[in-house]
Amino acid sequence: FWNKIQSYQHATTSLKAKGMTPKQMQNVNRARGCYALILCAVYPLMYRYLPDETLRDTVLSRAVATAMVAVTVHMYNILKVYGK
């Protein structure tokens, strides 16, 4: 139910009411698309091009996880501004 309400709000609230310019909205959508591509491509690229020894390295795993969490948090903050 609440997802439908939120979806309705996003679809019916104007950019002016949200306090956003069309350029800001374009930047939000561009960032969302770029971050989604980055997050979806990380693991397949690593699996394809890195040797097994490197993939089993805990330092690399933690670094990749940290980077993915940071990108996700940044995307969340961008979308949070969009949702106001």
C-alpha atoms as a PDB file:
ATOM      1  CA  PHE A   1       0.000   0.000   0.000  1.00  0.00           C
ATOM      2  CA  TRP A   2       2.673   2.514   1.008  1.00  0.00           C
ATOM      3  CA  ASN A   3       4.707   1.725  -2.094  1.00  0.00           C
ATOM      4  CA  LYS A   4       1.710   2.695  -4.233  1.00  0.00           C
ATOM      5  CA  ILE A   5       1.295   5.924  -2.258  1.00  0.00           C
ATOM      6  CA  GLN A   6       4.976   6.779  -2.642  1.00  0.00           C
ATOM      7  CA  SER A   7       4.914   5.874  -6.324  1.00  0.00           C
ATOM      8  CA  TYR A   8       1.872   8.098  -6.808  1.00  0.00           C
ATOM      9  CA  GLN A   9       3.626  10.972  -5.020  1.00  0.00           C
ATOM     10  CA  HIS A  10       6.681  10.658  -7.258  1.00  0.00           C
ATOM     11  CA  ALA A  11       4.536  10.546 -10.377  1.00  0.00           C
ATOM     12  CA  THR A  12       2.266  13.478  -9.504  1.00  0.00           C
ATOM     13  CA  THR A  13       4.535  15.925  -7.669  1.00  0.00           C
ATOM     14  CA  SER A  14       5.992  18.529  -9.982  1.00  0.00           C
ATOM     15  CA  LEU A  15       9.653  19.426 -10.084  1.00  0.00           C
ATOM     16  CA  LYS A  16       8.740  22.901  -8.878  1.00  0.00           C
ATOM     17  CA  ALA A  17       6.976  21.478  -5.807  1.00  0.00           C
ATOM     18  CA  LYS A  18      10.039  19.337  -5.103  1.00  0.00           C
ATOM     19  CA  GLY A  19      12.279  22.379  -5.507  1.00  0.00           C
ATOM     20  CA  MET A  20      14.256  20.859  -8.371  1.00  0.00           C
ATOM     21  CA  THR A  21      15.184  22.217 -11.747  1.00  0.00           C
ATOM     22  CA  PRO A  22      14.997  20.032 -14.864  1.00  0.00           C
ATOM     23  CA  LYS A  23      18.828  20.023 -14.931  1.00  0.00           C
ATOM     24  CA  GLN A  24      18.949  18.667 -11.362  1.00  0.00           C
ATOM     25  CA  MET A  25      16.446  15.952 -12.248  1.00  0.00           C
ATOM     26  CA  GLN A  26      18.514  15.034 -15.290  1.00  0.00           C
ATOM     27  CA  ASN A  27      21.622  14.777 -13.103  1.00  0.00           C
ATOM     28  CA  VAL A  28      19.782  12.573 -10.576  1.00  0.00           C
ATOM     29  CA  ASN A  29      18.626  10.210 -13.310  1.00  0.00           C
ATOM     30  CA  ARG A  30      22.073  10.154 -14.918  1.00  0.00           C
ATOM     31  CA  ALA A  31      23.755   9.364 -11.594  1.00  0.00           C
ATOM     32  CA  ARG A  32      21.215   6.666 -10.782  1.00  0.00           C
ATOM     33  CA  GLY A  33      21.810   4.986 -14.145  1.00  0.00           C
ATOM     34  CA  CYS A  34      25.606   5.209 -13.903  1.00  0.00           C
ATOM     35  CA  TYR A  35      25.703   3.837 -10.376  1.00  0.00           C
ATOM     36  CA  ALA A  36      23.392   0.976 -11.294  1.00  0.00           C
ATOM     37  CA  LEU A  37      25.658   0.041 -14.205  1.00  0.00           C
ATOM     38  CA  ILE A  38      28.728   0.166 -11.985  1.00  0.00           C
ATOM     39  CA  LEU A  39      27.163  -1.965  -9.250  1.00  0.00           C
ATOM     40  CA  CYS A  40      25.843  -4.549 -11.694  1.00  0.00           C
ATOM     41  CA  ALA A  41      29.133  -4.869 -13.559  1.00  0.00           C
ATOM     42  CA  VAL A  42      31.627  -5.184 -10.700  1.00  0.00           C
ATOM     43  CA  TYR A  43      31.347  -8.862  -9.858  1.00  0.00           C
ATOM     44  CA  PRO A  44      31.086 -10.287 -13.387  1.00  0.00           C
ATOM     45  CA  LEU A  45      34.109  -8.263 -14.511  1.00  0.00           C
ATOM     46  CA  MET A  46      36.136  -9.310 -11.485  1.00  0.00           C
ATOM     47  CA  TYR A  47      35.197 -12.953 -11.946  1.00  0.00           C
ATOM     48  CA  ARG A  48      36.044 -12.852 -15.633  1.00  0.00           C
ATOM     49  CA  TYR A  49      39.409 -11.076 -15.518  1.00  0.00           C
ATOM     50  CA  LEU A  50      41.003 -11.701 -12.117  1.00  0.00           C
ATOM     51  CA  PRO A  51      42.840 -14.900 -11.215  1.00  0.00           C
ATOM     52  CA  ASP A  52      41.463 -17.165  -8.480  1.00  0.00           C
ATOM     53  CA  GLU A  53      44.198 -16.227  -5.999  1.00  0.00           C
ATOM     54  CA  THR A  54      43.267 -12.578  -6.265  1.00  0.00           C
ATOM     55  CA  LEU A  55      39.557 -13.273  -5.947  1.00  0.00           C
ATOM     56  CA  ARG A  56      40.154 -15.186  -2.708  1.00  0.00           C
ATOM     57  CA  ASP A  57      42.081 -12.301  -1.159  1.00  0.00           C
ATOM     58  CA  THR A  58      40.186 -10.918   1.840  1.00  0.00           C
ATOM     59  CA  VAL A  59      41.669  -7.442   1.433  1.00  0.00           C
ATOM     60  CA  LEU A  60      40.300  -7.214  -2.112  1.00  0.00           C
ATOM     61  CA  SER A  61      36.927  -8.564  -1.005  1.00  0.00           C
ATOM     62  CA  ARG A  62      36.664  -6.026   1.784  1.00  0.00           C
ATOM     63  CA  ALA A  63      37.750  -3.191  -0.514  1.00  0.00           C
ATOM     64  CA  VAL A  64      35.163  -4.121  -3.142  1.00  0.00           C
ATOM     65  CA  ALA A  65      32.449  -4.474  -0.496  1.00  0.00           C
ATOM     66  CA  THR A  66      33.362  -1.104   1.017  1.00  0.00           C
ATOM     67  CA  ALA A  67      33.305   0.561  -2.400  1.00  0.00           C
ATOM     68  CA  MET A  68      29.934  -0.983  -3.220  1.00  0.00           C
ATOM     69  CA  VAL A  69      28.460   0.133   0.105  1.00  0.00           C
ATOM     70  CA  ALA A  70      29.831   3.646  -0.443  1.00  0.00           C
ATOM     71  CA  VAL A  71      28.300   3.820  -3.930  1.00  0.00           C
ATOM     72  CA  THR A  72      24.992   2.508  -2.605  1.00  0.00           C
ATOM     73  CA  VAL A  73      24.920   5.057   0.229  1.00  0.00           C
ATOM     74  CA  HIS A  74      25.728   7.854  -2.207  1.00  0.00           C
ATOM     75  CA  MET A  75      22.953   6.702  -4.544  1.00  0.00           C
ATOM     76  CA  TYR A  76      20.547   6.527  -1.594  1.00  0.00           C
ATOM     77  CA  ASN A  77      21.385  10.110  -0.644  1.00  0.00           C
ATOM     78  CA  ILE A  78      20.785  11.279  -4.214  1.00  0.00           C
ATOM     79  CA  LEU A  79      17.423   9.509  -4.340  1.00  0.00           C
ATOM     80  CA  LYS A  80      16.507  10.821  -0.894  1.00  0.00           C
ATOM     81  CA  VAL A  81      16.885  14.365  -2.194  1.00  0.00           C
ATOM     82  CA  TYR A  82      14.788  13.411  -5.238  1.00  0.00           C
ATOM     83  CA  GLY A  83      12.053  11.988  -3.015  1.00  0.00           C
ATOM     84  CA  LYS A  84      11.473  15.185  -1.052  1.00  0.00           C
END
